[in-house]
């Protein structure tokens, strides 16, 4: 790598995983970063404690990428910018944001021989009828919503390309939670919402199970801490394993109760759970089990997670949620 070839572009930098990635890079002493987001810094600023060179709004990035400076200096694009709402119904908006924008970045990286990481999603797996393995043919996946569809079409397109970035990675994020997700509103993790519910009411409402194979609260999810996710992304940049699609999960499904109990403990509150009826409209598409198959990741020589659910919840509550300044 040439000395000049060092700039890192992070899109979605004013969002959850993007801002956490800028934190991760800063931790490693990297500040030669261009931050990009569709939400400007006057609307919200998740980067107020971070070091970076410039901030562009999403539409401004293209003119920068046409410059000689970008073609010479950029080494990686970490593309976390997207519409992340699983309930979004405007297909044209999703297609433009989650497919066409990603496609253009992929093509630019291929043309200029720059490396790329982009966000796919575990939503591409649909109900999980084909399992949750990142070696499964994306053509056969059936997402349950338009958001998942907008992500899977990018994966299908990417694997067919002859001209590719030198190293490219599509990351299927599972239930990522942790600091800096505070602006996600309805899309924030259950851990974040549960913390505030317990804080305000001293109890936590969880959906009852409507599947005889699962007791109430024993529905399973793959919870993964954002600090593991961003560390892994930097590991991809350093180790450069074989390009392609990789799961980003803990690799071991845990129950809602496994998440709830450490929360009450970290908050020094008595465990009090209220069982709620699940709305009729989501009962048929509710997922009772998600678990990332992390074999491909392990076989590529990549590291294991460092944050167990219990350790992560304790860190999240003690060092972030309960602090006056909870931001990374």
C-alpha atoms as a PDB file:
ATOM      1  CA  UNK A   1       0.000   0.000   0.000  1.00  0.00           C
ATOM      2  CA  UNK A   2       1.351   3.428  -0.916  1.00  0.00           C
ATOM      3  CA  UNK A   3       1.738   6.076   1.787  1.00  0.00           C
ATOM      4  CA  UNK A   4      -0.934   8.182   0.127  1.00  0.00           C
ATOM      5  CA  UNK A   5      -3.372   5.270  -0.070  1.00  0.00           C
ATOM      6  CA  UNK A   6      -4.779   5.573   3.432  1.00  0.00           C
ATOM      7  CA  UNK A   7      -8.052   7.533   3.513  1.00  0.00           C
ATOM      8  CA  UNK A   8     -11.097   5.632   4.806  1.00  0.00           C
ATOM      9  CA  UNK A   9     -14.619   6.669   3.827  1.00  0.00           C
ATOM     10  CA  UNK A  10     -17.356   5.675   6.288  1.00  0.00           C
ATOM     11  CA  UNK A  11     -20.941   6.108   5.096  1.00  0.00           C
ATOM     12  CA  UNK A  12     -23.743   6.051   7.652  1.00  0.00           C
ATOM     13  CA  UNK A  13     -21.140   7.678   9.911  1.00  0.00           C
ATOM     14  CA  UNK A  14     -23.822   9.710  11.688  1.00  0.00           C
ATOM     15  CA  UNK A  15     -25.773   6.523  12.469  1.00  0.00           C
ATOM     16  CA  UNK A  16     -25.375   3.589  14.844  1.00  0.00           C
ATOM     17  CA  UNK A  17     -22.814   1.159  13.395  1.00  0.00           C
ATOM     18  CA  UNK A  18     -21.139   3.829  11.238  1.00  0.00           C
ATOM     19  CA  UNK A  19     -20.375   6.129  14.179  1.00  0.00           C
ATOM     20  CA  UNK A  20     -19.213   3.141  16.250  1.00  0.00           C
ATOM     21  CA  UNK A  21     -16.855   2.268  13.377  1.00  0.00           C
ATOM     22  CA  UNK A  22     -15.377   5.768  13.420  1.00  0.00           C
ATOM     23  CA  UNK A  23     -14.849   5.247  17.182  1.00  0.00           C
ATOM     24  CA  UNK A  24     -13.119   1.916  16.478  1.00  0.00           C
ATOM     25  CA  UNK A  25     -10.811   3.489  13.891  1.00  0.00           C
ATOM     26  CA  UNK A  26     -10.017   6.358  16.276  1.00  0.00           C
ATOM     27  CA  UNK A  27      -9.154   3.796  18.986  1.00  0.00           C
ATOM     28  CA  UNK A  28      -6.587   2.395  16.537  1.00  0.00           C
ATOM     29  CA  UNK A  29      -5.164   5.892  15.968  1.00  0.00           C
ATOM     30  CA  UNK A  30      -6.811   6.329  12.551  1.00  0.00           C
ATOM     31  CA  UNK A  31      -8.247   9.793  11.913  1.00  0.00           C
ATOM     32  CA  UNK A  32      -7.801  10.050   8.127  1.00  0.00           C
ATOM     33  CA  UNK A  33     -11.527   9.489   7.701  1.00  0.00           C
ATOM     34  CA  UNK A  34     -14.236  11.024   5.548  1.00  0.00           C
ATOM     35  CA  UNK A  35     -17.607  10.730   7.275  1.00  0.00           C
ATOM     36  CA  UNK A  36     -20.720  10.549   5.080  1.00  0.00           C
ATOM     37  CA  UNK A  37     -24.408  10.471   6.014  1.00  0.00           C
ATOM     38  CA  UNK A  38     -27.801  11.537   4.678  1.00  0.00           C
ATOM     39  CA  UNK A  39     -28.499  13.072   8.112  1.00  0.00           C
ATOM     40  CA  UNK A  40     -26.430  16.234   8.510  1.00  0.00           C
ATOM     41  CA  UNK A  41     -24.586  17.230  11.672  1.00  0.00           C
ATOM     42  CA  UNK A  42     -27.027  20.061  12.426  1.00  0.00           C
ATOM     43  CA  UNK A  43     -29.898  17.583  12.667  1.00  0.00           C
ATOM     44  CA  UNK A  44     -27.957  15.245  14.964  1.00  0.00           C
ATOM     45  CA  UNK A  45     -24.275  14.678  15.681  1.00  0.00           C
ATOM     46  CA  UNK A  46     -23.145  11.230  16.723  1.00  0.00           C
ATOM     47  CA  UNK A  47     -19.579  12.196  15.824  1.00  0.00           C
ATOM     48  CA  UNK A  48     -19.084  15.010  18.321  1.00  0.00           C
ATOM     49  CA  UNK A  49     -16.383  13.081  20.237  1.00  0.00           C
ATOM     50  CA  UNK A  50     -14.735  11.634  17.134  1.00  0.00           C
ATOM     51  CA  UNK A  51     -11.773  12.682  14.972  1.00  0.00           C
ATOM     52  CA  UNK A  52     -12.184  12.764  11.184  1.00  0.00           C
ATOM     53  CA  UNK A  53     -11.165  14.990   8.265  1.00  0.00           C
ATOM     54  CA  UNK A  54     -14.402  15.936   6.534  1.00  0.00           C
ATOM     55  CA  UNK A  55     -18.150  15.344   6.581  1.00  0.00           C
ATOM     56  CA  UNK A  56     -20.193  14.992   3.396  1.00  0.00           C
ATOM     57  CA  UNK A  57     -23.911  14.546   3.009  1.00  0.00           C
ATOM     58  CA  UNK A  58     -24.703  11.350   1.094  1.00  0.00           C
ATOM     59  CA  UNK A  59     -25.462  13.123  -2.198  1.00  0.00           C
ATOM     60  CA  UNK A  60     -22.181  15.075  -2.034  1.00  0.00           C
ATOM     61  CA  UNK A  61     -19.988  11.972  -1.947  1.00  0.00           C
ATOM     62  CA  UNK A  62     -20.141  11.362  -5.713  1.00  0.00           C
ATOM     63  CA  UNK A  63     -18.472  14.614  -6.705  1.00  0.00           C
ATOM     64  CA  UNK A  64     -15.667  13.909  -4.215  1.00  0.00           C
ATOM     65  CA  UNK A  65     -15.169  10.395  -5.635  1.00  0.00           C
ATOM     66  CA  UNK A  66     -14.594  11.924  -9.069  1.00  0.00           C
ATOM     67  CA  UNK A  67     -11.563  13.871  -7.804  1.00  0.00           C
ATOM     68  CA  UNK A  68      -7.950  12.809  -8.256  1.00  0.00           C
ATOM     69  CA  UNK A  69      -7.526  13.126  -4.490  1.00  0.00           C
ATOM     70  CA  UNK A  70     -10.137  10.419  -3.850  1.00  0.00           C
ATOM     71  CA  UNK A  71      -8.787   8.139  -6.582  1.00  0.00           C
ATOM     72  CA  UNK A  72      -5.294   8.464  -5.114  1.00  0.00           C
ATOM     73  CA  UNK A  73      -5.911   8.556  -1.356  1.00  0.00           C
ATOM     74  CA  UNK A  74      -8.894   6.354  -0.541  1.00  0.00           C
ATOM     75  CA  UNK A  75      -8.026   2.824   0.588  1.00  0.00           C
ATOM     76  CA  UNK A  76     -11.385   1.588   1.939  1.00  0.00           C
ATOM     77  CA  UNK A  77     -15.041   2.482   1.741  1.00  0.00           C
ATOM     78  CA  UNK A  78     -17.022   1.204   4.713  1.00  0.00           C
ATOM     79  CA  UNK A  79     -20.605   1.543   3.552  1.00  0.00           C
ATOM     80  CA  UNK A  80     -23.009   1.451   6.507  1.00  0.00           C
ATOM     81  CA  UNK A  81     -25.367   4.092   5.097  1.00  0.00           C
ATOM     82  CA  UNK A  82     -28.812   2.756   4.201  1.00  0.00           C
ATOM     83  CA  UNK A  83     -32.467   2.909   5.091  1.00  0.00           C
ATOM     84  CA  UNK A  84     -32.520   0.462   8.012  1.00  0.00           C
ATOM     85  CA  UNK A  85     -36.258   0.438   8.648  1.00  0.00           C
ATOM     86  CA  UNK A  86     -37.677  -3.085   8.347  1.00  0.00           C
ATOM     87  CA  UNK A  87     -41.172  -1.575   8.076  1.00  0.00           C
ATOM     88  CA  UNK A  88     -40.391   0.787   5.161  1.00  0.00           C
ATOM     89  CA  UNK A  89     -42.976   0.267   2.379  1.00  0.00           C
ATOM     90  CA  UNK A  90     -41.611   2.644  -0.298  1.00  0.00           C
ATOM     91  CA  UNK A  91     -39.823   0.248  -2.634  1.00  0.00           C
ATOM     92  CA  UNK A  92     -38.423   2.974  -4.917  1.00  0.00           C
ATOM     93  CA  UNK A  93     -36.804   4.646  -1.903  1.00  0.00           C
ATOM     94  CA  UNK A  94     -35.328   1.346  -0.670  1.00  0.00           C
ATOM     95  CA  UNK A  95     -34.143   0.383  -4.148  1.00  0.00           C
ATOM     96  CA  UNK A  96     -32.338   3.714  -4.612  1.00  0.00           C
ATOM     97  CA  UNK A  97     -30.828   3.831  -1.111  1.00  0.00           C
ATOM     98  CA  UNK A  98     -30.036   0.205  -0.358  1.00  0.00           C
ATOM     99  CA  UNK A  99     -29.275  -1.158  -3.810  1.00  0.00           C
ATOM    100  CA  UNK A 100     -28.349   1.517  -6.367  1.00  0.00           C
ATOM    101  CA  UNK A 101     -26.195   3.594  -3.986  1.00  0.00           C
ATOM    102  CA  UNK A 102     -24.326   0.448  -2.856  1.00  0.00           C
ATOM    103  CA  UNK A 103     -23.989  -0.714  -6.460  1.00  0.00           C
ATOM    104  CA  UNK A 104     -22.385   2.591  -7.502  1.00  0.00           C
ATOM    105  CA  UNK A 105     -19.878   2.388  -4.636  1.00  0.00           C
ATOM    106  CA  UNK A 106     -19.024  -1.217  -5.557  1.00  0.00           C
ATOM    107  CA  UNK A 107     -18.430  -0.193  -9.182  1.00  0.00           C
ATOM    108  CA  UNK A 108     -16.313   2.813  -8.154  1.00  0.00           C
ATOM    109  CA  UNK A 109     -14.195   0.602  -5.887  1.00  0.00           C
ATOM    110  CA  UNK A 110     -13.794  -1.983  -8.661  1.00  0.00           C
ATOM    111  CA  UNK A 111     -12.798   0.663 -11.221  1.00  0.00           C
ATOM    112  CA  UNK A 112     -10.318   2.375  -8.879  1.00  0.00           C
ATOM    113  CA  UNK A 113      -9.123  -0.794  -7.126  1.00  0.00           C
ATOM    114  CA  UNK A 114     -10.236   0.256  -3.650  1.00  0.00           C
ATOM    115  CA  UNK A 115     -11.518  -2.069  -0.934  1.00  0.00           C
ATOM    116  CA  UNK A 116     -15.152  -2.191   0.192  1.00  0.00           C
ATOM    117  CA  UNK A 117     -17.172  -3.334   3.192  1.00  0.00           C
ATOM    118  CA  UNK A 118     -20.936  -2.920   2.895  1.00  0.00           C
ATOM    119  CA  UNK A 119     -23.876  -3.710   5.156  1.00  0.00           C
ATOM    120  CA  UNK A 120     -26.100  -6.565   4.135  1.00  0.00           C
ATOM    121  CA  UNK A 121     -28.508  -7.920   6.755  1.00  0.00           C
ATOM    122  CA  UNK A 122     -29.718 -11.072   8.480  1.00  0.00           C
ATOM    123  CA  UNK A 123     -33.152  -9.934   7.222  1.00  0.00           C
ATOM    124  CA  UNK A 124     -32.088 -11.513   3.895  1.00  0.00           C
ATOM    125  CA  UNK A 125     -32.628 -14.941   5.517  1.00  0.00           C
ATOM    126  CA  UNK A 126     -36.377 -14.399   5.831  1.00  0.00           C
ATOM    127  CA  UNK A 127     -38.022 -16.850   8.216  1.00  0.00           C
ATOM    128  CA  UNK A 128     -34.831 -18.900   8.359  1.00  0.00           C
ATOM    129  CA  UNK A 129     -36.371 -21.844   6.537  1.00  0.00           C
ATOM    130  CA  UNK A 130     -33.013 -22.381   4.795  1.00  0.00           C
ATOM    131  CA  UNK A 131     -30.976 -21.813   7.943  1.00  0.00           C
ATOM    132  CA  UNK A 132     -28.672 -18.857   8.604  1.00  0.00           C
ATOM    133  CA  UNK A 133     -25.530 -19.813   6.736  1.00  0.00           C
ATOM    134  CA  UNK A 134     -23.555 -17.264   4.722  1.00  0.00           C
ATOM    135  CA  UNK A 135     -22.604 -19.932   2.175  1.00  0.00           C
ATOM    136  CA  UNK A 136     -26.254 -20.465   1.134  1.00  0.00           C
ATOM    137  CA  UNK A 137     -27.193 -19.302  -2.375  1.00  0.00           C
ATOM    138  CA  UNK A 138     -28.649 -15.777  -2.074  1.00  0.00           C
ATOM    139  CA  UNK A 139     -30.825 -16.431  -5.127  1.00  0.00           C
ATOM    140  CA  UNK A 140     -32.899 -18.880  -3.060  1.00  0.00           C
ATOM    141  CA  UNK A 141     -33.459 -16.629  -0.039  1.00  0.00           C
ATOM    142  CA  UNK A 142     -36.948 -15.229   0.608  1.00  0.00           C
ATOM    143  CA  UNK A 143     -36.877 -12.120   2.831  1.00  0.00           C
ATOM    144  CA  UNK A 144     -40.046 -11.350   4.821  1.00  0.00           C
ATOM    145  CA  UNK A 145     -40.035  -7.616   4.098  1.00  0.00           C
ATOM    146  CA  UNK A 146     -38.998  -5.047   1.489  1.00  0.00           C
ATOM    147  CA  UNK A 147     -35.977  -3.998   3.557  1.00  0.00           C
ATOM    148  CA  UNK A 148     -34.612  -7.566   3.431  1.00  0.00           C
ATOM    149  CA  UNK A 149     -35.383  -7.702  -0.295  1.00  0.00           C
ATOM    150  CA  UNK A 150     -33.442  -4.468  -0.933  1.00  0.00           C
ATOM    151  CA  UNK A 151     -30.422  -6.012   0.801  1.00  0.00           C
ATOM    152  CA  UNK A 152     -30.533  -9.440  -0.839  1.00  0.00           C
ATOM    153  CA  UNK A 153     -30.662  -8.017  -4.384  1.00  0.00           C
ATOM    154  CA  UNK A 154     -27.347  -6.251  -3.692  1.00  0.00           C
ATOM    155  CA  UNK A 155     -25.771  -9.517  -2.496  1.00  0.00           C
ATOM    156  CA  UNK A 156     -27.091 -11.379  -5.562  1.00  0.00           C
ATOM    157  CA  UNK A 157     -25.708  -8.695  -7.855  1.00  0.00           C
ATOM    158  CA  UNK A 158     -22.311  -8.447  -6.096  1.00  0.00           C
ATOM    159  CA  UNK A 159     -21.442 -12.152  -6.315  1.00  0.00           C
ATOM    160  CA  UNK A 160     -22.065 -12.134 -10.078  1.00  0.00           C
ATOM    161  CA  UNK A 161     -19.640  -9.311 -10.842  1.00  0.00           C
ATOM    162  CA  UNK A 162     -16.499 -10.042 -12.840  1.00  0.00           C
ATOM    163  CA  UNK A 163     -14.964  -6.633 -12.062  1.00  0.00           C
ATOM    164  CA  UNK A 164     -14.723  -6.354  -8.285  1.00  0.00           C
ATOM    165  CA  UNK A 165     -12.882  -4.368  -5.616  1.00  0.00           C
ATOM    166  CA  UNK A 166      -9.582  -6.071  -4.610  1.00  0.00           C
ATOM    167  CA  UNK A 167     -11.228  -7.059  -1.309  1.00  0.00           C
ATOM    168  CA  UNK A 168     -14.962  -6.753  -0.688  1.00  0.00           C
ATOM    169  CA  UNK A 169     -17.151  -7.945   2.161  1.00  0.00           C
ATOM    170  CA  UNK A 170     -20.942  -7.975   2.541  1.00  0.00           C
ATOM    171  CA  UNK A 171     -21.822  -8.251   6.228  1.00  0.00           C
ATOM    172  CA  UNK A 172     -25.083  -9.817   7.394  1.00  0.00           C
ATOM    173  CA  UNK A 173     -25.716  -8.165  10.751  1.00  0.00           C
ATOM    174  CA  UNK A 174     -27.851 -10.072  13.248  1.00  0.00           C
ATOM    175  CA  UNK A 175     -29.274  -8.454  16.435  1.00  0.00           C
ATOM    176  CA  UNK A 176     -26.640  -5.765  16.922  1.00  0.00           C
ATOM    177  CA  UNK A 177     -27.019  -3.668  20.063  1.00  0.00           C
ATOM    178  CA  UNK A 178     -24.910  -1.232  22.038  1.00  0.00           C
ATOM    179  CA  UNK A 179     -23.800   2.371  22.430  1.00  0.00           C
ATOM    180  CA  UNK A 180     -24.753   4.972  19.803  1.00  0.00           C
ATOM    181  CA  UNK A 181     -28.022   3.276  18.811  1.00  0.00           C
ATOM    182  CA  UNK A 182     -29.928   5.946  20.748  1.00  0.00           C
ATOM    183  CA  UNK A 183     -31.311   7.735  17.664  1.00  0.00           C
ATOM    184  CA  UNK A 184     -32.785   4.627  16.014  1.00  0.00           C
ATOM    185  CA  UNK A 185     -36.228   5.099  17.586  1.00  0.00           C
ATOM    186  CA  UNK A 186     -38.461   2.129  16.686  1.00  0.00           C
ATOM    187  CA  UNK A 187     -35.487   0.296  15.127  1.00  0.00           C
ATOM    188  CA  UNK A 188     -33.415   0.436  18.344  1.00  0.00           C
ATOM    189  CA  UNK A 189     -32.555  -2.887  19.978  1.00  0.00           C
ATOM    190  CA  UNK A 190     -34.795  -4.544  22.549  1.00  0.00           C
ATOM    191  CA  UNK A 191     -31.923  -4.141  25.054  1.00  0.00           C
ATOM    192  CA  UNK A 192     -32.051  -0.347  24.636  1.00  0.00           C
ATOM    193  CA  UNK A 193     -35.855  -0.180  24.806  1.00  0.00           C
ATOM    194  CA  UNK A 194     -35.944  -2.593  27.752  1.00  0.00           C
ATOM    195  CA  UNK A 195     -33.479  -0.484  29.727  1.00  0.00           C
ATOM    196  CA  UNK A 196     -35.735   2.573  29.465  1.00  0.00           C
ATOM    197  CA  UNK A 197     -38.872   0.567  30.157  1.00  0.00           C
ATOM    198  CA  UNK A 198     -37.345  -0.862  33.347  1.00  0.00           C
ATOM    199  CA  UNK A 199     -36.039   2.594  34.306  1.00  0.00           C
ATOM    200  CA  UNK A 200     -39.500   4.152  33.910  1.00  0.00           C
ATOM    201  CA  UNK A 201     -41.788   1.366  35.157  1.00  0.00           C
ATOM    202  CA  UNK A 202     -39.534  -1.102  37.072  1.00  0.00           C
ATOM    203  CA  UNK A 203     -40.871  -3.883  34.857  1.00  0.00           C
ATOM    204  CA  UNK A 204     -40.343  -5.255  31.355  1.00  0.00           C
ATOM    205  CA  UNK A 205     -43.030  -6.284  28.912  1.00  0.00           C
ATOM    206  CA  UNK A 206     -42.177  -9.271  26.682  1.00  0.00           C
ATOM    207  CA  UNK A 207     -44.352 -10.992  24.091  1.00  0.00           C
ATOM    208  CA  UNK A 208     -45.898 -14.328  24.984  1.00  0.00           C
ATOM    209  CA  UNK A 209     -44.999 -17.256  22.754  1.00  0.00           C
ATOM    210  CA  UNK A 210     -47.567 -18.551  20.282  1.00  0.00           C
ATOM    211  CA  UNK A 211     -45.433 -21.521  19.287  1.00  0.00           C
ATOM    212  CA  UNK A 212     -45.742 -24.679  21.393  1.00  0.00           C
ATOM    213  CA  UNK A 213     -42.007 -25.404  20.928  1.00  0.00           C
ATOM    214  CA  UNK A 214     -41.041 -22.229  22.805  1.00  0.00           C
ATOM    215  CA  UNK A 215     -42.046 -21.146  26.309  1.00  0.00           C
ATOM    216  CA  UNK A 216     -42.793 -17.477  26.998  1.00  0.00           C
ATOM    217  CA  UNK A 217     -39.545 -15.504  26.873  1.00  0.00           C
ATOM    218  CA  UNK A 218     -37.637 -18.457  25.431  1.00  0.00           C
ATOM    219  CA  UNK A 219     -37.814 -17.190  21.840  1.00  0.00           C
ATOM    220  CA  UNK A 220     -34.226 -17.137  20.548  1.00  0.00           C
ATOM    221  CA  UNK A 221     -32.133 -14.410  18.940  1.00  0.00           C
ATOM    222  CA  UNK A 222     -28.486 -13.967  17.984  1.00  0.00           C
ATOM    223  CA  UNK A 223     -27.512 -10.898  20.026  1.00  0.00           C
ATOM    224  CA  UNK A 224     -24.150  -9.382  19.071  1.00  0.00           C
ATOM    225  CA  UNK A 225     -22.497  -6.365  20.718  1.00  0.00           C
ATOM    226  CA  UNK A 226     -21.562  -3.467  18.456  1.00  0.00           C
ATOM    227  CA  UNK A 227     -18.038  -3.371  19.939  1.00  0.00           C
ATOM    228  CA  UNK A 228     -17.428  -6.889  18.555  1.00  0.00           C
ATOM    229  CA  UNK A 229     -18.916  -5.936  15.183  1.00  0.00           C
ATOM    230  CA  UNK A 230     -16.693  -2.888  14.621  1.00  0.00           C
ATOM    231  CA  UNK A 231     -13.614  -4.729  15.889  1.00  0.00           C
ATOM    232  CA  UNK A 232     -14.351  -7.468  13.348  1.00  0.00           C
ATOM    233  CA  UNK A 233     -14.711  -4.902  10.577  1.00  0.00           C
ATOM    234  CA  UNK A 234     -11.261  -3.569  11.363  1.00  0.00           C
ATOM    235  CA  UNK A 235      -9.984  -7.155  11.452  1.00  0.00           C
ATOM    236  CA  UNK A 236     -11.329  -7.641   7.918  1.00  0.00           C
ATOM    237  CA  UNK A 237      -9.366  -4.565   6.825  1.00  0.00           C
ATOM    238  CA  UNK A 238      -6.177  -5.881   8.439  1.00  0.00           C
ATOM    239  CA  UNK A 239      -6.359  -9.589   7.541  1.00  0.00           C
ATOM    240  CA  UNK A 240      -8.188  -9.371   4.188  1.00  0.00           C
ATOM    241  CA  UNK A 241      -9.649 -12.897   4.032  1.00  0.00           C
ATOM    242  CA  UNK A 242     -11.377 -14.159   0.879  1.00  0.00           C
ATOM    243  CA  UNK A 243     -13.939 -11.669  -0.446  1.00  0.00           C
ATOM    244  CA  UNK A 244     -17.651 -12.386  -0.166  1.00  0.00           C
ATOM    245  CA  UNK A 245     -20.610 -12.516   2.199  1.00  0.00           C
ATOM    246  CA  UNK A 246     -20.035 -13.010   5.934  1.00  0.00           C
ATOM    247  CA  UNK A 247     -22.425 -13.309   8.873  1.00  0.00           C
ATOM    248  CA  UNK A 248     -21.963 -10.856  11.735  1.00  0.00           C
ATOM    249  CA  UNK A 249     -23.482 -12.551  14.762  1.00  0.00           C
ATOM    250  CA  UNK A 250     -22.357 -14.043  18.050  1.00  0.00           C
ATOM    251  CA  UNK A 251     -22.992 -17.513  16.651  1.00  0.00           C
ATOM    252  CA  UNK A 252     -25.058 -18.697  19.632  1.00  0.00           C
ATOM    253  CA  UNK A 253     -28.765 -17.945  19.995  1.00  0.00           C
ATOM    254  CA  UNK A 254     -29.950 -16.697  23.394  1.00  0.00           C
ATOM    255  CA  UNK A 255     -33.433 -16.160  24.808  1.00  0.00           C
ATOM    256  CA  UNK A 256     -35.178 -12.874  25.547  1.00  0.00           C
ATOM    257  CA  UNK A 257     -34.937 -13.838  29.220  1.00  0.00           C
ATOM    258  CA  UNK A 258     -31.154 -14.298  28.859  1.00  0.00           C
ATOM    259  CA  UNK A 259     -31.061 -10.662  27.788  1.00  0.00           C
ATOM    260  CA  UNK A 260     -33.574  -9.389  30.363  1.00  0.00           C
ATOM    261  CA  UNK A 261     -32.089 -10.903  33.535  1.00  0.00           C
ATOM    262  CA  UNK A 262     -28.615  -9.259  33.241  1.00  0.00           C
ATOM    263  CA  UNK A 263     -30.398  -5.956  32.509  1.00  0.00           C
ATOM    264  CA  UNK A 264     -32.338  -6.053  35.790  1.00  0.00           C
ATOM    265  CA  UNK A 265     -29.139  -7.098  37.568  1.00  0.00           C
ATOM    266  CA  UNK A 266     -27.013  -4.304  36.027  1.00  0.00           C
ATOM    267  CA  UNK A 267     -29.714  -1.801  36.977  1.00  0.00           C
ATOM    268  CA  UNK A 268     -29.995  -3.165  40.551  1.00  0.00           C
ATOM    269  CA  UNK A 269     -33.686  -3.812  40.007  1.00  0.00           C
ATOM    270  CA  UNK A 270     -35.832  -6.762  41.018  1.00  0.00           C
ATOM    271  CA  UNK A 271     -36.755  -8.923  38.002  1.00  0.00           C
ATOM    272  CA  UNK A 272     -40.340  -8.173  37.036  1.00  0.00           C
ATOM    273  CA  UNK A 273     -41.650  -9.330  33.658  1.00  0.00           C
ATOM    274  CA  UNK A 274     -45.103  -8.688  32.265  1.00  0.00           C
ATOM    275  CA  UNK A 275     -46.260 -11.036  29.483  1.00  0.00           C
ATOM    276  CA  UNK A 276     -47.889  -9.244  26.565  1.00  0.00           C
ATOM    277  CA  UNK A 277     -50.210 -10.474  23.826  1.00  0.00           C
ATOM    278  CA  UNK A 278     -48.477 -10.282  20.465  1.00  0.00           C
ATOM    279  CA  UNK A 279     -50.378  -8.147  17.909  1.00  0.00           C
ATOM    280  CA  UNK A 280     -52.300 -10.340  15.465  1.00  0.00           C
ATOM    281  CA  UNK A 281     -50.647  -8.730  12.422  1.00  0.00           C
ATOM    282  CA  UNK A 282     -47.142  -9.931  13.362  1.00  0.00           C
ATOM    283  CA  UNK A 283     -47.924 -13.377  14.799  1.00  0.00           C
ATOM    284  CA  UNK A 284     -47.632 -15.118  11.438  1.00  0.00           C
ATOM    285  CA  UNK A 285     -44.256 -13.603  10.537  1.00  0.00           C
ATOM    286  CA  UNK A 286     -42.688 -13.598  13.993  1.00  0.00           C
ATOM    287  CA  UNK A 287     -39.269 -15.263  14.143  1.00  0.00           C
ATOM    288  CA  UNK A 288     -38.772 -17.665  17.031  1.00  0.00           C
ATOM    289  CA  UNK A 289     -35.156 -18.468  16.244  1.00  0.00           C
ATOM    290  CA  UNK A 290     -32.190 -16.738  14.599  1.00  0.00           C
ATOM    291  CA  UNK A 291     -28.598 -17.891  14.937  1.00  0.00           C
ATOM    292  CA  UNK A 292     -25.690 -16.888  12.728  1.00  0.00           C
ATOM    293  CA  UNK A 293     -23.623 -19.756  11.357  1.00  0.00           C
ATOM    294  CA  UNK A 294     -20.115 -18.407  11.979  1.00  0.00           C
ATOM    295  CA  UNK A 295     -18.191 -21.381  10.516  1.00  0.00           C
ATOM    296  CA  UNK A 296     -17.089 -19.536   7.379  1.00  0.00           C
ATOM    297  CA  UNK A 297     -15.798 -16.674   9.557  1.00  0.00           C
ATOM    298  CA  UNK A 298     -13.860 -19.044  11.831  1.00  0.00           C
ATOM    299  CA  UNK A 299     -12.442 -21.010   8.907  1.00  0.00           C
ATOM    300  CA  UNK A 300     -11.146 -17.728   7.429  1.00  0.00           C
ATOM    301  CA  UNK A 301      -9.008 -17.392  10.563  1.00  0.00           C
ATOM    302  CA  UNK A 302     -11.052 -14.576  12.050  1.00  0.00           C
ATOM    303  CA  UNK A 303     -11.465 -14.014  15.796  1.00  0.00           C
ATOM    304  CA  UNK A 304     -14.206 -15.148  18.161  1.00  0.00           C
ATOM    305  CA  UNK A 305     -16.505 -12.622  19.850  1.00  0.00           C
ATOM    306  CA  UNK A 306     -15.122 -11.014  22.993  1.00  0.00           C
ATOM    307  CA  UNK A 307     -18.431  -9.832  24.439  1.00  0.00           C
ATOM    308  CA  UNK A 308     -20.776 -12.446  25.894  1.00  0.00           C
ATOM    309  CA  UNK A 309     -24.372 -11.250  26.260  1.00  0.00           C
ATOM    310  CA  UNK A 310     -23.973 -10.867  30.036  1.00  0.00           C
ATOM    311  CA  UNK A 311     -20.672  -8.971  29.772  1.00  0.00           C
ATOM    312  CA  UNK A 312     -22.033  -6.780  26.966  1.00  0.00           C
ATOM    313  CA  UNK A 313     -25.224  -5.870  28.860  1.00  0.00           C
ATOM    314  CA  UNK A 314     -23.148  -4.959  31.931  1.00  0.00           C
ATOM    315  CA  UNK A 315     -20.844  -2.737  29.844  1.00  0.00           C
ATOM    316  CA  UNK A 316     -23.758  -1.153  27.977  1.00  0.00           C
ATOM    317  CA  UNK A 317     -25.633  -0.250  31.171  1.00  0.00           C
ATOM    318  CA  UNK A 318     -22.658   0.674  33.400  1.00  0.00           C
ATOM    319  CA  UNK A 319     -20.450   2.545  30.930  1.00  0.00           C
ATOM    320  CA  UNK A 320     -23.044   3.995  28.568  1.00  0.00           C
ATOM    321  CA  UNK A 321     -26.780   3.963  29.294  1.00  0.00           C
ATOM    322  CA  UNK A 322     -26.478   5.011  32.948  1.00  0.00           C
ATOM    323  CA  UNK A 323     -23.891   7.706  32.208  1.00  0.00           C
ATOM    324  CA  UNK A 324     -24.624  11.380  31.645  1.00  0.00           C
ATOM    325  CA  UNK A 325     -22.706  11.088  28.354  1.00  0.00           C
ATOM    326  CA  UNK A 326     -23.538   7.636  26.943  1.00  0.00           C
ATOM    327  CA  UNK A 327     -21.861   8.147  23.544  1.00  0.00           C
ATOM    328  CA  UNK A 328     -18.795   6.449  22.098  1.00  0.00           C
END
